[in-house]
């Protein structure tokens, strides 16, 4: 049986990914900074699911978990899902807030990736899936520090894949998953937050939709997966042509806020999701 580690799996998307993998026959090791939440999810999954507390900011803890699974040659997949999100303009955010996003979203992802690569390189096989967000490919206004942390995450993911291939390693796959806004606890208190409007600018996704795509990625790996696929080229336009993007920004933000208000009405009326 293949073994997968999922970080930040005590709730939201991580929980849905863990359930999707378990449904596909994986032995899932559920991790979360909240040990109780991890235990509850593992109990829900049943079977051979396991749980442990893991703060992805702790490099030694990430390595210890990977090595413990590697000793039995049973680390096949590591999903770096743990993340935090704080909206706001950068000059109004505290240094601690910005640093927390960098520590969890960027450094935490790096810690997990490098930890997983230890036993995977010894075994000559494995897969790392890094949840990066569409904020990884566009400088999202109102979410700048978060976007910066996710830019670092996707650069590290793809760059590490390039380095593996440069060293002749073919049996290890790395993938960056870049979903549009997802209805998770991260966004549940952001329905009136104008700075968070870009997260509502496309089609708000459910955790089940994204988890299903992650599950499919384990069977057919690819370096980058954008969900939905059409959003990637559209959003890259703003970074590739910043002067034109600045002119279009008022219209884009007006539309994002319109959609945010629309989702609020539907959610409060019980019509979504």
C-alpha atoms as a PDB file:
ATOM      1  CA  UNK A   1       0.000   0.000   0.000  1.00  0.00           C
ATOM      2  CA  UNK A   2       1.309   3.445  -0.924  1.00  0.00           C
ATOM      3  CA  UNK A   3       1.855   5.942   1.901  1.00  0.00           C
ATOM      4  CA  UNK A   4       1.126   9.675   1.737  1.00  0.00           C
ATOM      5  CA  UNK A   5       1.793  12.511   4.180  1.00  0.00           C
ATOM      6  CA  UNK A   6      -0.564  15.491   4.027  1.00  0.00           C
ATOM      7  CA  UNK A   7       0.304  18.636   5.986  1.00  0.00           C
ATOM      8  CA  UNK A   8      -2.309  21.027   7.314  1.00  0.00           C
ATOM      9  CA  UNK A   9      -4.836  18.205   7.030  1.00  0.00           C
ATOM     10  CA  UNK A  10      -6.804  18.919  10.184  1.00  0.00           C
ATOM     11  CA  UNK A  11      -9.430  20.903   8.263  1.00  0.00           C
ATOM     12  CA  UNK A  12     -10.331  22.504   4.951  1.00  0.00           C
ATOM     13  CA  UNK A  13      -8.495  21.484   1.810  1.00  0.00           C
ATOM     14  CA  UNK A  14      -5.966  19.282   3.622  1.00  0.00           C
ATOM     15  CA  UNK A  15      -8.739  17.229   5.161  1.00  0.00           C
ATOM     16  CA  UNK A  16     -10.404  16.828   1.749  1.00  0.00           C
ATOM     17  CA  UNK A  17      -7.093  15.780   0.140  1.00  0.00           C
ATOM     18  CA  UNK A  18      -6.516  13.209   2.873  1.00  0.00           C
ATOM     19  CA  UNK A  19     -10.012  11.795   2.303  1.00  0.00           C
ATOM     20  CA  UNK A  20      -9.525  11.713  -1.475  1.00  0.00           C
ATOM     21  CA  UNK A  21      -6.231   9.848  -1.159  1.00  0.00           C
ATOM     22  CA  UNK A  22      -7.680   7.390   1.334  1.00  0.00           C
ATOM     23  CA  UNK A  23     -10.508   6.737  -1.101  1.00  0.00           C
ATOM     24  CA  UNK A  24      -7.922   5.961  -3.758  1.00  0.00           C
ATOM     25  CA  UNK A  25      -6.309   3.333  -1.568  1.00  0.00           C
ATOM     26  CA  UNK A  26      -3.481   5.332  -0.002  1.00  0.00           C
ATOM     27  CA  UNK A  27      -2.352   4.880   3.581  1.00  0.00           C
ATOM     28  CA  UNK A  28      -2.595   8.495   4.751  1.00  0.00           C
ATOM     29  CA  UNK A  29      -0.525  10.095   7.492  1.00  0.00           C
ATOM     30  CA  UNK A  30      -2.535  13.136   8.571  1.00  0.00           C
ATOM     31  CA  UNK A  31      -0.511  16.003  10.050  1.00  0.00           C
ATOM     32  CA  UNK A  32      -1.504  19.365  11.431  1.00  0.00           C
ATOM     33  CA  UNK A  33      -0.155  21.901  13.889  1.00  0.00           C
ATOM     34  CA  UNK A  34      -3.298  21.044  15.871  1.00  0.00           C
ATOM     35  CA  UNK A  35      -2.721  17.463  17.041  1.00  0.00           C
ATOM     36  CA  UNK A  36      -6.361  17.004  18.050  1.00  0.00           C
ATOM     37  CA  UNK A  37      -7.608  18.013  14.607  1.00  0.00           C
ATOM     38  CA  UNK A  38      -5.178  15.593  12.955  1.00  0.00           C
ATOM     39  CA  UNK A  39      -6.353  12.772  15.235  1.00  0.00           C
ATOM     40  CA  UNK A  40     -10.008  13.458  14.428  1.00  0.00           C
ATOM     41  CA  UNK A  41      -9.419  13.371  10.673  1.00  0.00           C
ATOM     42  CA  UNK A  42      -7.419  10.134  10.916  1.00  0.00           C
ATOM     43  CA  UNK A  43     -10.242   8.599  12.958  1.00  0.00           C
ATOM     44  CA  UNK A  44     -12.752   9.681  10.299  1.00  0.00           C
ATOM     45  CA  UNK A  45     -10.645   8.073   7.573  1.00  0.00           C
ATOM     46  CA  UNK A  46     -10.294   4.855   9.532  1.00  0.00           C
ATOM     47  CA  UNK A  47      -8.378   1.954   8.071  1.00  0.00           C
ATOM     48  CA  UNK A  48      -4.633   2.429   8.283  1.00  0.00           C
ATOM     49  CA  UNK A  49      -4.721   6.220   8.551  1.00  0.00           C
ATOM     50  CA  UNK A  50      -2.302   7.681  11.080  1.00  0.00           C
ATOM     51  CA  UNK A  51      -1.949  11.147  12.601  1.00  0.00           C
ATOM     52  CA  UNK A  52       0.658  13.312  14.273  1.00  0.00           C
ATOM     53  CA  UNK A  53       1.242  16.923  15.179  1.00  0.00           C
ATOM     54  CA  UNK A  54       3.524  18.740  12.761  1.00  0.00           C
ATOM     55  CA  UNK A  55       4.495  22.389  12.597  1.00  0.00           C
ATOM     56  CA  UNK A  56       5.912  22.760   9.099  1.00  0.00           C
ATOM     57  CA  UNK A  57       8.064  25.643  10.295  1.00  0.00           C
ATOM     58  CA  UNK A  58      10.092  23.068  12.259  1.00  0.00           C
ATOM     59  CA  UNK A  59      12.569  21.654   9.763  1.00  0.00           C
ATOM     60  CA  UNK A  60      13.843  19.006  12.184  1.00  0.00           C
ATOM     61  CA  UNK A  61      10.311  17.743  12.805  1.00  0.00           C
ATOM     62  CA  UNK A  62       9.630  17.474   9.070  1.00  0.00           C
ATOM     63  CA  UNK A  63      12.846  15.530   8.562  1.00  0.00           C
ATOM     64  CA  UNK A  64      12.116  13.240  11.515  1.00  0.00           C
ATOM     65  CA  UNK A  65       8.714  12.297  10.106  1.00  0.00           C
ATOM     66  CA  UNK A  66      10.085  11.689   6.615  1.00  0.00           C
ATOM     67  CA  UNK A  67      12.974   9.623   7.938  1.00  0.00           C
ATOM     68  CA  UNK A  68      10.717   7.520  10.146  1.00  0.00           C
ATOM     69  CA  UNK A  69       8.609   6.582   7.121  1.00  0.00           C
ATOM     70  CA  UNK A  70      11.672   6.226   4.928  1.00  0.00           C
ATOM     71  CA  UNK A  71      13.166   3.613   7.247  1.00  0.00           C
ATOM     72  CA  UNK A  72      10.381   1.278   6.197  1.00  0.00           C
ATOM     73  CA  UNK A  73      10.644   2.411   2.572  1.00  0.00           C
ATOM     74  CA  UNK A  74       7.070   3.661   2.747  1.00  0.00           C
ATOM     75  CA  UNK A  75       7.084   7.350   1.831  1.00  0.00           C
ATOM     76  CA  UNK A  76       5.588   7.597  -1.628  1.00  0.00           C
ATOM     77  CA  UNK A  77       3.883  10.985  -1.547  1.00  0.00           C
ATOM     78  CA  UNK A  78       4.197  14.193   0.471  1.00  0.00           C
ATOM     79  CA  UNK A  79       1.545  16.877   0.029  1.00  0.00           C
ATOM     80  CA  UNK A  80       2.550  20.304   1.323  1.00  0.00           C
ATOM     81  CA  UNK A  81      -0.857  21.826   1.945  1.00  0.00           C
ATOM     82  CA  UNK A  82      -0.346  23.771   5.192  1.00  0.00           C
ATOM     83  CA  UNK A  83      -0.794  27.500   4.691  1.00  0.00           C
ATOM     84  CA  UNK A  84      -1.992  30.747   6.245  1.00  0.00           C
ATOM     85  CA  UNK A  85      -3.620  33.802   4.678  1.00  0.00           C
ATOM     86  CA  UNK A  86      -3.858  37.389   5.883  1.00  0.00           C
ATOM     87  CA  UNK A  87      -5.173  40.048   3.540  1.00  0.00           C
ATOM     88  CA  UNK A  88      -4.234  43.719   3.631  1.00  0.00           C
ATOM     89  CA  UNK A  89      -1.863  46.219   2.092  1.00  0.00           C
ATOM     90  CA  UNK A  90       1.763  45.540   3.075  1.00  0.00           C
ATOM     91  CA  UNK A  91       2.449  48.876   4.770  1.00  0.00           C
ATOM     92  CA  UNK A  92      -0.431  48.285   7.171  1.00  0.00           C
ATOM     93  CA  UNK A  93       0.493  44.709   8.055  1.00  0.00           C
ATOM     94  CA  UNK A  94       2.855  44.012  10.922  1.00  0.00           C
ATOM     95  CA  UNK A  95       6.247  42.463  10.329  1.00  0.00           C
ATOM     96  CA  UNK A  96       5.082  39.443  12.335  1.00  0.00           C
ATOM     97  CA  UNK A  97       2.090  38.939  10.025  1.00  0.00           C
ATOM     98  CA  UNK A  98       4.236  39.083   6.906  1.00  0.00           C
ATOM     99  CA  UNK A  99       6.830  36.795   8.448  1.00  0.00           C
ATOM    100  CA  UNK A 100       4.230  34.232   9.489  1.00  0.00           C
ATOM    101  CA  UNK A 101       3.054  33.878   5.895  1.00  0.00           C
ATOM    102  CA  UNK A 102       6.623  33.515   4.670  1.00  0.00           C
ATOM    103  CA  UNK A 103       7.452  31.014   7.414  1.00  0.00           C
ATOM    104  CA  UNK A 104       4.455  28.744   6.792  1.00  0.00           C
ATOM    105  CA  UNK A 105       3.694  29.189   3.088  1.00  0.00           C
ATOM    106  CA  UNK A 106       7.255  29.361   1.785  1.00  0.00           C
ATOM    107  CA  UNK A 107       9.733  28.032   4.354  1.00  0.00           C
ATOM    108  CA  UNK A 108       7.289  25.385   5.608  1.00  0.00           C
ATOM    109  CA  UNK A 109       6.773  24.128   2.073  1.00  0.00           C
ATOM    110  CA  UNK A 110      10.540  24.070   1.537  1.00  0.00           C
ATOM    111  CA  UNK A 111      11.030  22.142   4.785  1.00  0.00           C
ATOM    112  CA  UNK A 112       8.494  19.528   3.769  1.00  0.00           C
ATOM    113  CA  UNK A 113       9.852  19.185   0.253  1.00  0.00           C
ATOM    114  CA  UNK A 114      13.466  18.767   1.340  1.00  0.00           C
ATOM    115  CA  UNK A 115      12.479  16.387   4.139  1.00  0.00           C
ATOM    116  CA  UNK A 116      10.535  14.183   1.722  1.00  0.00           C
ATOM    117  CA  UNK A 117      13.329  14.191  -0.834  1.00  0.00           C
ATOM    118  CA  UNK A 118      15.708  12.533   1.654  1.00  0.00           C
ATOM    119  CA  UNK A 119      14.121   9.064   1.650  1.00  0.00           C
ATOM    120  CA  UNK A 120      12.731   9.502  -1.864  1.00  0.00           C
ATOM    121  CA  UNK A 121      16.212  10.028  -3.306  1.00  0.00           C
ATOM    122  CA  UNK A 122      17.396   6.904  -1.510  1.00  0.00           C
ATOM    123  CA  UNK A 123      14.477   4.919  -2.888  1.00  0.00           C
ATOM    124  CA  UNK A 124      14.758   6.501  -6.331  1.00  0.00           C
ATOM    125  CA  UNK A 125      11.049   7.260  -6.491  1.00  0.00           C
ATOM    126  CA  UNK A 126       8.308   9.404  -4.981  1.00  0.00           C
ATOM    127  CA  UNK A 127       6.182  12.475  -5.502  1.00  0.00           C
ATOM    128  CA  UNK A 128       5.845  15.849  -3.799  1.00  0.00           C
ATOM    129  CA  UNK A 129       2.731  17.936  -4.433  1.00  0.00           C
ATOM    130  CA  UNK A 130       2.865  21.545  -3.285  1.00  0.00           C
ATOM    131  CA  UNK A 131      -0.352  23.542  -2.942  1.00  0.00           C
ATOM    132  CA  UNK A 132       0.644  27.008  -4.134  1.00  0.00           C
ATOM    133  CA  UNK A 133      -2.538  28.953  -5.108  1.00  0.00           C
ATOM    134  CA  UNK A 134      -3.224  31.146  -8.126  1.00  0.00           C
ATOM    135  CA  UNK A 135      -1.646  33.916  -6.042  1.00  0.00           C
ATOM    136  CA  UNK A 136       1.633  32.225  -6.980  1.00  0.00           C
ATOM    137  CA  UNK A 137       1.359  33.432 -10.571  1.00  0.00           C
ATOM    138  CA  UNK A 138      -0.079  36.934 -10.182  1.00  0.00           C
ATOM    139  CA  UNK A 139       0.765  39.863  -7.897  1.00  0.00           C
ATOM    140  CA  UNK A 140      -2.644  39.966  -6.252  1.00  0.00           C
ATOM    141  CA  UNK A 141      -3.564  43.444  -4.914  1.00  0.00           C
ATOM    142  CA  UNK A 142      -4.803  43.377  -1.330  1.00  0.00           C
ATOM    143  CA  UNK A 143      -3.030  40.046  -0.830  1.00  0.00           C
ATOM    144  CA  UNK A 144       0.520  41.124  -1.641  1.00  0.00           C
ATOM    145  CA  UNK A 145       2.491  39.456   1.171  1.00  0.00           C
ATOM    146  CA  UNK A 146       0.485  36.254   0.780  1.00  0.00           C
ATOM    147  CA  UNK A 147       1.098  36.361  -2.973  1.00  0.00           C
ATOM    148  CA  UNK A 148       4.827  36.909  -2.407  1.00  0.00           C
ATOM    149  CA  UNK A 149       4.995  33.844  -0.168  1.00  0.00           C
ATOM    150  CA  UNK A 150       3.237  31.778  -2.818  1.00  0.00           C
ATOM    151  CA  UNK A 151       5.514  33.105  -5.582  1.00  0.00           C
ATOM    152  CA  UNK A 152       8.410  31.754  -3.520  1.00  0.00           C
ATOM    153  CA  UNK A 153       6.600  28.432  -3.160  1.00  0.00           C
ATOM    154  CA  UNK A 154       6.097  27.888  -6.882  1.00  0.00           C
ATOM    155  CA  UNK A 155       9.632  29.013  -7.730  1.00  0.00           C
ATOM    156  CA  UNK A 156      11.036  26.531  -5.216  1.00  0.00           C
ATOM    157  CA  UNK A 157       8.823  23.721  -6.510  1.00  0.00           C
ATOM    158  CA  UNK A 158       9.628  24.111 -10.188  1.00  0.00           C
ATOM    159  CA  UNK A 159      13.284  24.993  -9.577  1.00  0.00           C
ATOM    160  CA  UNK A 160      13.777  21.890  -7.446  1.00  0.00           C
ATOM    161  CA  UNK A 161      12.201  19.758 -10.172  1.00  0.00           C
ATOM    162  CA  UNK A 162      14.605  21.276 -12.687  1.00  0.00           C
ATOM    163  CA  UNK A 163      17.538  20.497 -10.375  1.00  0.00           C
ATOM    164  CA  UNK A 164      16.412  16.883  -9.957  1.00  0.00           C
ATOM    165  CA  UNK A 165      16.324  16.440 -13.714  1.00  0.00           C
ATOM    166  CA  UNK A 166      19.660  18.248 -14.059  1.00  0.00           C
ATOM    167  CA  UNK A 167      21.140  15.628 -11.708  1.00  0.00           C
ATOM    168  CA  UNK A 168      19.598  12.819 -13.718  1.00  0.00           C
ATOM    169  CA  UNK A 169      16.822  11.970 -11.211  1.00  0.00           C
ATOM    170  CA  UNK A 170      13.793  10.792 -13.185  1.00  0.00           C
ATOM    171  CA  UNK A 171      11.798   8.786 -10.668  1.00  0.00           C
ATOM    172  CA  UNK A 172      10.752  11.681  -8.421  1.00  0.00           C
ATOM    173  CA  UNK A 173       7.942  14.019  -9.463  1.00  0.00           C
ATOM    174  CA  UNK A 174       7.259  17.526  -8.122  1.00  0.00           C
ATOM    175  CA  UNK A 175       4.040  19.369  -8.833  1.00  0.00           C
ATOM    176  CA  UNK A 176       2.740  22.840  -8.022  1.00  0.00           C
ATOM    177  CA  UNK A 177      -1.036  23.028  -7.645  1.00  0.00           C
ATOM    178  CA  UNK A 178      -2.460  26.509  -8.205  1.00  0.00           C
ATOM    179  CA  UNK A 179      -6.190  26.632  -7.436  1.00  0.00           C
ATOM    180  CA  UNK A 180      -8.444  29.670  -7.623  1.00  0.00           C
ATOM    181  CA  UNK A 181     -10.120  30.848  -4.401  1.00  0.00           C
ATOM    182  CA  UNK A 182     -11.384  27.909  -2.316  1.00  0.00           C
ATOM    183  CA  UNK A 183     -14.223  28.034   0.186  1.00  0.00           C
ATOM    184  CA  UNK A 184     -12.297  27.055   3.328  1.00  0.00           C
ATOM    185  CA  UNK A 185     -11.921  28.550   6.827  1.00  0.00           C
ATOM    186  CA  UNK A 186      -9.313  30.862   5.241  1.00  0.00           C
ATOM    187  CA  UNK A 187     -12.063  32.725   3.366  1.00  0.00           C
ATOM    188  CA  UNK A 188     -15.090  32.210   5.584  1.00  0.00           C
ATOM    189  CA  UNK A 189     -14.460  35.488   7.436  1.00  0.00           C
ATOM    190  CA  UNK A 190     -13.489  37.415   4.283  1.00  0.00           C
ATOM    191  CA  UNK A 191     -16.888  37.995   2.685  1.00  0.00           C
ATOM    192  CA  UNK A 192     -16.829  41.675   3.699  1.00  0.00           C
ATOM    193  CA  UNK A 193     -13.062  42.143   3.359  1.00  0.00           C
ATOM    194  CA  UNK A 194     -12.425  44.351   0.320  1.00  0.00           C
ATOM    195  CA  UNK A 195      -8.717  43.509   0.367  1.00  0.00           C
ATOM    196  CA  UNK A 196      -9.592  39.821  -0.063  1.00  0.00           C
ATOM    197  CA  UNK A 197     -11.849  40.476  -3.072  1.00  0.00           C
ATOM    198  CA  UNK A 198      -9.298  39.040  -5.571  1.00  0.00           C
ATOM    199  CA  UNK A 199      -9.849  35.606  -4.006  1.00  0.00           C
ATOM    200  CA  UNK A 200     -13.460  35.804  -5.176  1.00  0.00           C
ATOM    201  CA  UNK A 201     -12.666  37.161  -8.653  1.00  0.00           C
ATOM    202  CA  UNK A 202     -12.977  33.832 -10.467  1.00  0.00           C
ATOM    203  CA  UNK A 203     -15.117  30.832  -9.678  1.00  0.00           C
ATOM    204  CA  UNK A 204     -15.005  29.977  -5.996  1.00  0.00           C
ATOM    205  CA  UNK A 205     -14.000  26.330  -5.678  1.00  0.00           C
ATOM    206  CA  UNK A 206     -14.974  23.686  -3.144  1.00  0.00           C
ATOM    207  CA  UNK A 207     -12.382  21.614  -1.304  1.00  0.00           C
ATOM    208  CA  UNK A 208     -13.777  18.464  -2.882  1.00  0.00           C
ATOM    209  CA  UNK A 209     -13.183  19.807  -6.404  1.00  0.00           C
ATOM    210  CA  UNK A 210      -9.557  20.629  -5.698  1.00  0.00           C
ATOM    211  CA  UNK A 211      -8.910  17.421  -3.760  1.00  0.00           C
ATOM    212  CA  UNK A 212     -10.175  15.382  -6.706  1.00  0.00           C
ATOM    213  CA  UNK A 213      -7.696  17.157  -8.993  1.00  0.00           C
ATOM    214  CA  UNK A 214      -4.876  16.478  -6.528  1.00  0.00           C
ATOM    215  CA  UNK A 215      -5.857  12.817  -6.451  1.00  0.00           C
ATOM    216  CA  UNK A 216      -5.750  12.643 -10.236  1.00  0.00           C
ATOM    217  CA  UNK A 217      -2.324  14.289 -10.173  1.00  0.00           C
ATOM    218  CA  UNK A 218      -0.936  11.315  -8.254  1.00  0.00           C
ATOM    219  CA  UNK A 219      -1.819   9.102 -11.210  1.00  0.00           C
ATOM    220  CA  UNK A 220      -0.704  11.482 -13.951  1.00  0.00           C
ATOM    221  CA  UNK A 221       1.907  13.931 -12.596  1.00  0.00           C
ATOM    222  CA  UNK A 222       2.587  17.266 -14.238  1.00  0.00           C
ATOM    223  CA  UNK A 223       4.850  20.148 -13.113  1.00  0.00           C
ATOM    224  CA  UNK A 224       2.057  22.698 -12.669  1.00  0.00           C
ATOM    225  CA  UNK A 225      -1.690  22.329 -12.369  1.00  0.00           C
ATOM    226  CA  UNK A 226      -3.895  25.430 -12.497  1.00  0.00           C
ATOM    227  CA  UNK A 227      -7.502  25.048 -11.345  1.00  0.00           C
ATOM    228  CA  UNK A 228      -9.464  25.992 -13.398  1.00  0.00           C
ATOM    229  CA  UNK A 229      -6.946  25.876 -16.232  1.00  0.00           C
ATOM    230  CA  UNK A 230      -8.286  28.921 -18.119  1.00  0.00           C
ATOM    231  CA  UNK A 231      -7.536  31.258 -15.196  1.00  0.00           C
ATOM    232  CA  UNK A 232      -3.773  30.937 -15.489  1.00  0.00           C
ATOM    233  CA  UNK A 233      -3.191  32.691 -18.833  1.00  0.00           C
ATOM    234  CA  UNK A 234      -5.696  35.406 -17.940  1.00  0.00           C
ATOM    235  CA  UNK A 235      -4.049  36.275 -14.619  1.00  0.00           C
ATOM    236  CA  UNK A 236      -0.505  36.105 -16.000  1.00  0.00           C
ATOM    237  CA  UNK A 237      -1.516  38.934 -18.336  1.00  0.00           C
ATOM    238  CA  UNK A 238      -1.430  41.398 -15.423  1.00  0.00           C
ATOM    239  CA  UNK A 239       2.164  40.539 -14.528  1.00  0.00           C
ATOM    240  CA  UNK A 240       3.392  40.338 -18.120  1.00  0.00           C
ATOM    241  CA  UNK A 241       1.913  43.719 -19.069  1.00  0.00           C
ATOM    242  CA  UNK A 242       1.909  45.707 -15.794  1.00  0.00           C
ATOM    243  CA  UNK A 243       1.233  49.146 -17.304  1.00  0.00           C
ATOM    244  CA  UNK A 244      -1.841  47.855 -19.110  1.00  0.00           C
ATOM    245  CA  UNK A 245      -2.749  45.906 -15.972  1.00  0.00           C
ATOM    246  CA  UNK A 246      -2.683  49.103 -13.925  1.00  0.00           C
ATOM    247  CA  UNK A 247      -5.159  50.711 -16.314  1.00  0.00           C
ATOM    248  CA  UNK A 248      -7.445  47.699 -16.078  1.00  0.00           C
ATOM    249  CA  UNK A 249      -7.099  47.368 -12.301  1.00  0.00           C
ATOM    250  CA  UNK A 250     -10.137  49.475 -11.293  1.00  0.00           C
ATOM    251  CA  UNK A 251     -12.429  47.436 -13.540  1.00  0.00           C
ATOM    252  CA  UNK A 252     -10.910  44.127 -12.389  1.00  0.00           C
ATOM    253  CA  UNK A 253     -11.333  45.054  -8.711  1.00  0.00           C
ATOM    254  CA  UNK A 254     -14.886  46.301  -9.271  1.00  0.00           C
ATOM    255  CA  UNK A 255     -15.772  42.950 -10.821  1.00  0.00           C
ATOM    256  CA  UNK A 256     -14.021  41.039  -8.007  1.00  0.00           C
ATOM    257  CA  UNK A 257     -15.999  42.944  -5.360  1.00  0.00           C
ATOM    258  CA  UNK A 258     -19.215  42.384  -7.298  1.00  0.00           C
ATOM    259  CA  UNK A 259     -18.579  38.632  -7.254  1.00  0.00           C
ATOM    260  CA  UNK A 260     -17.608  38.761  -3.571  1.00  0.00           C
ATOM    261  CA  UNK A 261     -20.954  40.392  -2.736  1.00  0.00           C
ATOM    262  CA  UNK A 262     -22.732  37.825  -4.905  1.00  0.00           C
ATOM    263  CA  UNK A 263     -21.105  34.910  -3.086  1.00  0.00           C
ATOM    264  CA  UNK A 264     -21.978  36.471   0.261  1.00  0.00           C
ATOM    265  CA  UNK A 265     -25.667  36.650  -0.683  1.00  0.00           C
ATOM    266  CA  UNK A 266     -25.707  33.080  -1.956  1.00  0.00           C
ATOM    267  CA  UNK A 267     -23.843  31.698   1.059  1.00  0.00           C
ATOM    268  CA  UNK A 268     -26.002  33.551   3.576  1.00  0.00           C
ATOM    269  CA  UNK A 269     -29.111  32.320   1.750  1.00  0.00           C
ATOM    270  CA  UNK A 270     -27.862  28.751   1.937  1.00  0.00           C
ATOM    271  CA  UNK A 271     -27.643  28.483  -1.865  1.00  0.00           C
ATOM    272  CA  UNK A 272     -23.891  27.808  -2.021  1.00  0.00           C
ATOM    273  CA  UNK A 273     -21.907  25.636  -1.833  1.00  0.00           C
END
